[in-house]
Structures are given as structure tokens and as C-alpha cells.
Amino acid sequence: MLRSRIESALKNISKKNIEYQHQLKELEVGDTLPQSFSLLIRIVQSRLTHGLSNFRTTDILLQEVFAGLQVYHIFSGLEEY
């Protein structure tokens, strides 16, 4: 049960990561917008970049936890024999 919850969390984080990357790419086309929006675009880009960084960090941590649980599961299965 815990394994499926971690797998689900990993999928959700990866999905959000991709969404943030797409949003950042869309904002890079900001050159076509009036200059008055440039500050606003930079603020949004900064927040999206920060959010993306947080999601990547969380993704890495969850992958490490998942790998650790898999190793634990393997070793606990060996102890039964």
C-alpha cells in the first residue's frame, strides 16, 4: 500500500514538473508582449523556476525513498529463508 502511494506521488510530481517546464517555455516567448509586462513576466518566471526546483528536489527525494523501500523489501524477503 505504501509502495503504491509513493509511486502515485512520484507520478504526480513528475506531471507537475512537466507542466512547470511548459509554462516556463511559454513565458520565454515574452518578447512579443509589450515592455510593460516584462517585470511581471520575470516575476512569474522566477516563481515557476522556484516551484520547478522544489518539484525536482521532491521528485529526487521520493525516488530515493522508493529505492530504499525496494531494497528493504528485497532484504526482508531474504531473511525469511
C-alpha atoms as a PDB file:
ATOM      1  CA  MET A   1       0.000   0.000   0.000  1.00  0.00           C
ATOM      2  CA  LEU A   2       2.793   2.424   0.889  1.00  0.00           C
ATOM      3  CA  ARG A   3       4.583   1.481  -2.320  1.00  0.00           C
ATOM      4  CA  SER A   4       1.581   2.379  -4.479  1.00  0.00           C
ATOM      5  CA  ARG A   5       1.183   5.691  -2.626  1.00  0.00           C
ATOM      6  CA  ILE A   6       4.834   6.565  -3.269  1.00  0.00           C
ATOM      7  CA  GLU A   7       4.528   5.559  -6.929  1.00  0.00           C
ATOM      8  CA  SER A   8       1.428   7.731  -7.223  1.00  0.00           C
ATOM      9  CA  ALA A   9       3.219  10.670  -5.598  1.00  0.00           C
ATOM     10  CA  LEU A  10       6.154  10.244  -7.993  1.00  0.00           C
ATOM     11  CA  LYS A  11       3.818  10.288 -10.991  1.00  0.00           C
ATOM     12  CA  ASN A  12       2.029  13.412  -9.729  1.00  0.00           C
ATOM     13  CA  ILE A  13       5.291  15.241  -9.067  1.00  0.00           C
ATOM     14  CA  SER A  14       6.662  14.308 -12.488  1.00  0.00           C
ATOM     15  CA  LYS A  15       3.438  15.522 -14.104  1.00  0.00           C
ATOM     16  CA  LYS A  16       3.659  18.886 -12.276  1.00  0.00           C
ATOM     17  CA  ASN A  17       7.325  19.145 -13.246  1.00  0.00           C
ATOM     18  CA  ILE A  18       6.413  18.821 -16.927  1.00  0.00           C
ATOM     19  CA  GLU A  19       3.597  21.372 -16.554  1.00  0.00           C
ATOM     20  CA  TYR A  20       6.007  23.900 -14.996  1.00  0.00           C
ATOM     21  CA  GLN A  21       8.531  23.328 -17.781  1.00  0.00           C
ATOM     22  CA  HIS A  22       5.854  24.001 -20.418  1.00  0.00           C
ATOM     23  CA  GLN A  23       4.711  27.150 -18.625  1.00  0.00           C
ATOM     24  CA  LEU A  24       8.288  28.435 -18.482  1.00  0.00           C
ATOM     25  CA  LYS A  25       8.748  27.797 -22.211  1.00  0.00           C
ATOM     26  CA  GLU A  26       5.544  29.675 -22.968  1.00  0.00           C
ATOM     27  CA  LEU A  27       6.804  32.667 -20.990  1.00  0.00           C
ATOM     28  CA  GLU A  28      10.083  32.697 -22.925  1.00  0.00           C
ATOM     29  CA  VAL A  29       8.074  33.979 -25.893  1.00  0.00           C
ATOM     30  CA  GLY A  30       7.532  37.127 -23.825  1.00  0.00           C
ATOM     31  CA  ASP A  31       9.476  39.247 -26.330  1.00  0.00           C
ATOM     32  CA  THR A  32       6.302  39.706 -28.339  1.00  0.00           C
ATOM     33  CA  LEU A  33       4.486  41.286 -25.382  1.00  0.00           C
ATOM     34  CA  PRO A  34       4.585  44.988 -24.519  1.00  0.00           C
ATOM     35  CA  GLN A  35       7.554  46.031 -22.395  1.00  0.00           C
ATOM     36  CA  SER A  36       5.255  46.975 -19.519  1.00  0.00           C
ATOM     37  CA  PHE A  37       4.668  43.265 -18.941  1.00  0.00           C
ATOM     38  CA  SER A  38       8.362  42.384 -18.755  1.00  0.00           C
ATOM     39  CA  LEU A  39       8.634  42.821 -14.973  1.00  0.00           C
ATOM     40  CA  LEU A  40       5.501  40.765 -14.403  1.00  0.00           C
ATOM     41  CA  ILE A  41       6.821  38.052 -16.710  1.00  0.00           C
ATOM     42  CA  ARG A  42      10.149  37.963 -14.846  1.00  0.00           C
ATOM     43  CA  ILE A  43       8.333  37.589 -11.517  1.00  0.00           C
ATOM     44  CA  VAL A  44       6.196  34.739 -12.836  1.00  0.00           C
ATOM     45  CA  GLN A  45       9.238  33.073 -14.413  1.00  0.00           C
ATOM     46  CA  SER A  46      11.092  33.339 -11.128  1.00  0.00           C
ATOM     47  CA  ARG A  47       8.227  31.760  -9.190  1.00  0.00           C
ATOM     48  CA  LEU A  48       7.811  28.980 -11.753  1.00  0.00           C
ATOM     49  CA  THR A  49      11.549  28.296 -11.705  1.00  0.00           C
ATOM     50  CA  HIS A  50      11.493  28.128  -7.909  1.00  0.00           C
ATOM     51  CA  GLY A  51       8.471  25.812  -7.981  1.00  0.00           C
ATOM     52  CA  LEU A  52      10.106  23.608 -10.597  1.00  0.00           C
ATOM     53  CA  SER A  53      13.235  23.374  -8.472  1.00  0.00           C
ATOM     54  CA  ASN A  54      11.133  22.337  -5.472  1.00  0.00           C
ATOM     55  CA  PHE A  55       9.325  19.697  -7.502  1.00  0.00           C
ATOM     56  CA  ARG A  56      12.606  18.303  -8.822  1.00  0.00           C
ATOM     57  CA  THR A  57      14.007  18.120  -5.290  1.00  0.00           C
ATOM     58  CA  THR A  58      10.873  16.381  -4.023  1.00  0.00           C
ATOM     59  CA  ASP A  59      10.940  14.017  -7.004  1.00  0.00           C
ATOM     60  CA  ILE A  60      14.544  13.039  -6.252  1.00  0.00           C
ATOM     61  CA  LEU A  61      13.793  12.507  -2.557  1.00  0.00           C
ATOM     62  CA  LEU A  62      10.754  10.356  -3.302  1.00  0.00           C
ATOM     63  CA  GLN A  63      12.747   8.268  -5.773  1.00  0.00           C
ATOM     64  CA  GLU A  64      15.404   7.696  -3.106  1.00  0.00           C
ATOM     65  CA  VAL A  65      12.754   6.666  -0.573  1.00  0.00           C
ATOM     66  CA  PHE A  66      11.158   4.344  -3.108  1.00  0.00           C
ATOM     67  CA  ALA A  67      14.522   2.760  -3.943  1.00  0.00           C
ATOM     68  CA  GLY A  68      15.246   2.322  -0.234  1.00  0.00           C
ATOM     69  CA  LEU A  69      11.894   0.639   0.291  1.00  0.00           C
ATOM     70  CA  GLN A  70      12.568  -1.712  -2.605  1.00  0.00           C
ATOM     71  CA  VAL A  71      15.948  -2.673  -1.098  1.00  0.00           C
ATOM     72  CA  TYR A  72      14.307  -3.153   2.300  1.00  0.00           C
ATOM     73  CA  HIS A  73      11.637  -5.338   0.713  1.00  0.00           C
ATOM     74  CA  ILE A  74      14.275  -7.474  -1.017  1.00  0.00           C
ATOM     75  CA  PHE A  75      16.322  -7.936   2.154  1.00  0.00           C
ATOM     76  CA  SER A  76      13.294  -8.626   4.345  1.00  0.00           C
ATOM     77  CA  GLY A  77      12.261 -11.321   1.856  1.00  0.00           C
ATOM     78  CA  LEU A  78      15.726 -12.905   2.088  1.00  0.00           C
ATOM     79  CA  GLU A  79      15.556 -13.019   5.872  1.00  0.00           C
ATOM     80  CA  GLU A  80      12.519 -15.306   5.678  1.00  0.00           C
ATOM     81  CA  TYR A  81      14.629 -18.113   4.207  1.00  0.00           C
END
